[in-house]
């Protein structure tokens, strides 16, 4: 006897797809790229393998069954080198009382009879699992819904309130990227696992639960390094991305101007360059869709040299676009027209304010980063005085370094502004955190000393007395960007600061 476990993977036609020779302790199941899960709930493969000591189905067997979404697992227990105790295990729908069904002590000569209704059983199981998944999605999941389905994950040792706030923001980001959020998981381990963030057992449990809910991707609130993405991706065929990648994806969707497209592509390539270590499952899973959008025909499998060449080209294009912006600004400065820039946290109402102040039609949507491209309009005041008022990309805390670096050229336009209108959504319970995040970015740009006017927007969605108290506390004015009748305090304050 060779004292090695032997296994085969067979498809639903009974054809053997893989033959596996392991060691005395177990077998290593190869990458099953020829049998992708996609939107299927089961892979269409059954695993038959030996147990040298006639031991029962163990937790490793059941974990493989769950993680790989196998149709079934058949363990052939050996006694004196001959088949003895044969066991059968399969998954059960997520709404069942048990996670698995296990049949033991099946005699070899009765195996065919025991599995005679295998095909109908698998068909029934798949239907039950799909129905359970649809119910878990509260009716959102159906065969015609082609959106990605995500489980959001936060692993942190910081304050729970900060973790919860950050998770709420991640949900808003996911909504902006048109994702179906199935669940949000907050984990607070004693120590952060450097490989998986969570312990190996916990991360496998997380993946299994995600598969049971019909998820197609995991989104981590914490930034993952390339080795962590690879390690987690090796456990599952679900896409694995982090907060930064999600933000980059939103920017790729929303950037329409040449400046914006160049900046987004540059940021994405800089972000992905460390991950381009040749063709691998973690990278190939990101092709297309959430996390894989942006660089056009550029594929993630291209070699580093070509990516660096592309980055160099984009940097030169960005510099040329910056010079063109500087020339346009110089002409405005020559005319002596004050420049006012609207800044603020994403989705605070900047574009709505610009539209209603200037009767223009900048794109507006109640989503984070709805507007990425800079828009400038002229606004006339009494006494024949004009200003140029400019909308800017929304800020966000923990903005990815590559994105901040790429958009620095655009944000540096704020240096030439005579006044910054810092707009804040007062109806958001995290508005003070938003103010601090914007102030930090201004500090990073060296603009902390720039003349500012703080504006609390959406006053109609908050208590009037609370709004007045907050305005006194921050020396600010309040408005509703949807109601031009509330703009008189804002316009008076702008005049006082520009023409004292």
Foldseek 3Di string as FASTA:
>chain_A
DQLWKWKFKAFPVRHTDDIWTGHNPDTDDDDPVVQDCQQALARRIEMEMENAQQDDDDPVNVLCCLFRRHQKYWYFYDDPRHTWKIKIKHAAAPPDPDGMDMDIRQGPVCVCVVCVCVVVVSVVRRVRLVVSLCVLLVNPDDPPDPAAEEEEEEEDQDDVVVRVVLQVVLVLLCVLQVYRYSYYYYHYDPDQDLQQRDDPVVLSVVSSVCSSNSGQAYEYADAHDLNNLQSSCVSHLRQYGYPQLSVLQSLQVQDDDPLSLLLSLLLLLVVLLVNQPADDSNQVSCCDDRSNDRPPPDGSRDDNVVSVVSNVVSVVVNVVVLVVVVVVVVVVVVVVAAEEEEAFAFQLCQVLLVCLQQVDCDDDDNGGQNDADKDWDWGADPPRHIHIYIYHTHFDAPNPPSSCVSCLSVVLVCVRHQEYEYEFAPLDPCRVVRVVRVCVSCVVNVNNPHHYAYEHEPCVNDDVVVVVVVCVVVVHYYDHSNDCVRCPVVVVVVCVSPPD
